[in-house]
C-alpha atoms as a PDB file:
ATOM      1  CA  MET A   1      -1.991   5.157 -21.915  1.00  0.00           C
ATOM      2  CA  ASN A   2      -1.726   5.867 -25.608  1.00  0.00           C
ATOM      3  CA  PRO A   3       0.850   4.107 -27.835  1.00  0.00           C
ATOM      4  CA  GLN A   4       3.118   7.155 -28.026  1.00  0.00           C
ATOM      5  CA  SER A   5       3.320   7.446 -24.224  1.00  0.00           C
ATOM      6  CA  LEU A   6       4.014   3.738 -23.939  1.00  0.00           C
ATOM      7  CA  ILE A   7       6.874   3.940 -26.446  1.00  0.00           C
ATOM      8  CA  ILE A   8       8.352   6.980 -24.677  1.00  0.00           C
ATOM      9  CA  SER A   9       8.152   5.159 -21.331  1.00  0.00           C
ATOM     10  CA  LEU A  10       9.893   2.100 -22.772  1.00  0.00           C
ATOM     11  CA  VAL A  11      12.641   4.212 -24.328  1.00  0.00           C
ATOM     12  CA  ILE A  12      13.191   6.143 -21.095  1.00  0.00           C
ATOM     13  CA  GLY A  13      13.225   2.844 -19.183  1.00  0.00           C
ATOM     14  CA  ALA A  14      15.772   1.362 -21.586  1.00  0.00           C
ATOM     15  CA  ILE A  15      18.028   4.422 -21.326  1.00  0.00           C
ATOM     16  CA  ALA A  16      17.778   4.491 -17.536  1.00  0.00           C
ATOM     17  CA  GLY A  17      18.440   0.753 -17.287  1.00  0.00           C
ATOM     18  CA  TRP A  18      21.425   1.079 -19.621  1.00  0.00           C
ATOM     19  CA  LEU A  19      22.854   3.961 -17.569  1.00  0.00           C
ATOM     20  CA  ALA A  20      22.330   1.990 -14.363  1.00  0.00           C
ATOM     21  CA  SER A  21      24.096  -1.007 -15.913  1.00  0.00           C
ATOM     22  CA  ILE A  22      27.107   1.198 -16.678  1.00  0.00           C
ATOM     23  CA  VAL A  23      27.285   2.120 -12.995  1.00  0.00           C
ATOM     24  CA  MET A  24      26.336  -1.277 -11.531  1.00  0.00           C
ATOM     25  CA  GLY A  25      27.203  -3.747 -14.326  1.00  0.00           C
ATOM     26  CA  GLY A  26      24.824  -6.085 -16.150  1.00  0.00           C
ATOM     27  CA  GLY A  27      23.276  -6.304 -19.570  1.00  0.00           C
ATOM     28  CA  GLY A  28      20.456  -7.224 -21.908  1.00  0.00           C
ATOM     29  CA  LEU A  29      17.891  -4.930 -23.537  1.00  0.00           C
ATOM     30  CA  ILE A  30      14.864  -6.528 -21.858  1.00  0.00           C
ATOM     31  CA  ARG A  31      16.621  -6.351 -18.505  1.00  0.00           C
ATOM     32  CA  TYR A  32      17.458  -2.665 -19.130  1.00  0.00           C
ATOM     33  CA  ILE A  33      13.832  -1.861 -19.879  1.00  0.00           C
ATOM     34  CA  ILE A  34      12.447  -3.754 -16.892  1.00  0.00           C
ATOM     35  CA  ILE A  35      14.961  -2.312 -14.436  1.00  0.00           C
ATOM     36  CA  GLY A  36      14.511   1.170 -15.892  1.00  0.00           C
ATOM     37  CA  ILE A  37      10.722   1.072 -15.600  1.00  0.00           C
ATOM     38  CA  ILE A  38      10.850  -0.260 -12.044  1.00  0.00           C
ATOM     39  CA  GLY A  39      13.558   2.298 -11.318  1.00  0.00           C
ATOM     40  CA  SER A  40      11.272   5.052 -12.546  1.00  0.00           C
ATOM     41  CA  PHE A  41       8.740   4.269  -9.838  1.00  0.00           C
ATOM     42  CA  VAL A  42      11.397   3.733  -7.166  1.00  0.00           C
ATOM     43  CA  GLY A  43      13.299   6.906  -8.079  1.00  0.00           C
ATOM     44  CA  SER A  44      10.153   9.029  -8.130  1.00  0.00           C
ATOM     45  CA  PHE A  45       9.080   7.625  -4.768  1.00  0.00           C
ATOM     46  CA  LEU A  46      12.488   8.079  -3.123  1.00  0.00           C
ATOM     47  CA  LEU A  47      13.087  11.596  -4.378  1.00  0.00           C
ATOM     48  CA  SER A  48       9.602  12.716  -3.355  1.00  0.00           C
ATOM     49  CA  MET A  49       9.951  11.125   0.099  1.00  0.00           C
ATOM     50  CA  LEU A  50      13.330  12.807   0.599  1.00  0.00           C
ATOM     51  CA  LYS A  51      11.929  16.068  -0.827  1.00  0.00           C
ATOM     52  CA  ILE A  52      14.725  16.291  -3.402  1.00  0.00           C
ATOM     53  CA  ASN A  53      14.169  18.495  -6.431  1.00  0.00           C
ATOM     54  CA  LEU A  54      16.758  18.055  -9.175  1.00  0.00           C
ATOM     55  CA  GLY A  55      15.950  21.439 -10.688  1.00  0.00           C
ATOM     56  CA  ILE A  56      16.108  20.125 -14.253  1.00  0.00           C
ATOM     57  CA  THR A  57      13.678  21.952 -16.524  1.00  0.00           C
ATOM     58  CA  ASN A  58      13.607  19.386 -19.355  1.00  0.00           C
ATOM     59  CA  PRO A  59      11.019  16.773 -18.279  1.00  0.00           C
ATOM     60  CA  ILE A  60      12.473  13.913 -20.338  1.00  0.00           C
ATOM     61  CA  VAL A  61      16.015  14.457 -19.066  1.00  0.00           C
ATOM     62  CA  SER A  62      14.680  14.778 -15.536  1.00  0.00           C
ATOM     63  CA  GLN A  63      12.736  11.521 -15.848  1.00  0.00           C
ATOM     64  CA  ILE A  64      15.768   9.709 -17.271  1.00  0.00           C
ATOM     65  CA  ILE A  65      17.907  10.846 -14.325  1.00  0.00           C
ATOM     66  CA  VAL A  66      15.227   9.971 -11.748  1.00  0.00           C
ATOM     67  CA  SER A  67      14.699   6.581 -13.402  1.00  0.00           C
ATOM     68  CA  THR A  68      18.435   5.926 -13.458  1.00  0.00           C
ATOM     69  CA  ILE A  69      18.751   6.735  -9.758  1.00  0.00           C
ATOM     70  CA  GLY A  70      15.854   4.398  -9.036  1.00  0.00           C
ATOM     71  CA  ALA A  71      17.296   1.659 -11.265  1.00  0.00           C
ATOM     72  CA  ILE A  72      20.634   1.860  -9.458  1.00  0.00           C
ATOM     73  CA  VAL A  73      18.812   1.476  -6.143  1.00  0.00           C
ATOM     74  CA  VAL A  74      16.808  -1.484  -7.513  1.00  0.00           C
ATOM     75  CA  VAL A  75      19.938  -3.260  -8.763  1.00  0.00           C
ATOM     76  CA  PHE A  76      21.761  -2.574  -5.478  1.00  0.00           C
ATOM     77  CA  VAL A  77      18.904  -3.936  -3.354  1.00  0.00           C
ATOM     78  CA  ALA A  78      18.475  -6.950  -5.661  1.00  0.00           C
ATOM     79  CA  ARG A  79      22.138  -7.800  -5.252  1.00  0.00           C
ATOM     80  CA  LEU A  80      21.878  -7.480  -1.477  1.00  0.00           C
ATOM     81  CA  VAL A  81      18.931  -9.876  -1.430  1.00  0.00           C
ATOM     82  CA  ALA A  82      20.484 -12.373  -3.861  1.00  0.00           C
END
């Protein structure tokens, strides 16, 4: 992974984590990034397993939305466990 891709992934993760925190509550930049990155994997996995296509043509916007959905799921499950 080149430095530009890494920075883009971190920014998308931070945005997704921030959006998830608006829905679920919480805070902290590092927490946003971590939850957003984990949410990216979870969201991609869930949407592909459920065969859901968002139909968004912009890849960055699509990834932010998928990551946010995944981050919300991660926060929800974490709260159920804790």
